[in-house]
Amino acid sequence: MDNAFDLKAGQAMNIDMPFDDTDSGPEAAENLKAVAVALFAERGVDGVTLRQIAEAAGQKNHATVGYHFGSKEALVRAVVVHGAKLIDELRNRMLNEIEAHGGPTALDEITAVLVRSSLLPSNPPWSDCYNRFIVMLQLTNYPLFMDALEGRWNSGYLRCQNHIRTLLADIPSRQVNRRLVLMGGAMAGIIAARERELADASRDHPMWKSERTIESIAGALAAILVTG
């Protein structure tokens, strides 16, 4: 992982010291979430301590995470919601544009929306880390992931599902449901793998950076919906 999030040991201060209100602004909370998602993506939620997050964020007081979020679980929830909101807002904007032109008329149009919105282009660190974080969290603590969302921030995904069901109207709903589950799992795994490869700065990754690859991912997901 990039050492940009590592802090020299000499910068650490005693966690029991009174809270420094210079670290209490909204920018500090946003920075903590950004640092947390990167660390969680690399090491998993259980592999990162609040002290490490505070140090990586450049905070002088290790109690700063508790000040802003109350607990590690609350921070995890905040990270889940932050990324989910970004994806959902982008997904809905993309769907609005397609629907304004009479679409979608093909499955790969819908899967392209799902893929491209999940990539969060040009929004680091969320575009670099969020999908890996989510995949790892779902594998280790799925109830926490679902509870954090509270049934919200998925309106764009539900709209995509409705379009898919319309295009597959001649297929029994039970089969469509199975295909949606398979498609969702495949998408999460592929996008997380892409993030992992692009995080390796030691070499170039022309395949994963290619626009053709993004199109191929969307096409493969559409194929699952047709034949899954």
Foldseek 3Di string as FASTA:
>chain_A
DDCLLAADPVLEDDQPDPDDCVCVDPVNLVLLLQLVLQVCLVQNLVRDDLQSSCRSSSHHHSCSCCVVQVDSLSSVLVSLVVLLLQLLVQLVVLVVVQVVVPDDPAQLSLLLSVQVSCCSPPDPPSNLGVLSSVVRCCVPPVVSSVVSCVPDSCPSVVVSLVRLCVNVVVDDPVLQVVLVVVLVVLSSVVSSVLSVVVVPPPDDDCLSVDPVNSSVNSVVSSVSNVPD
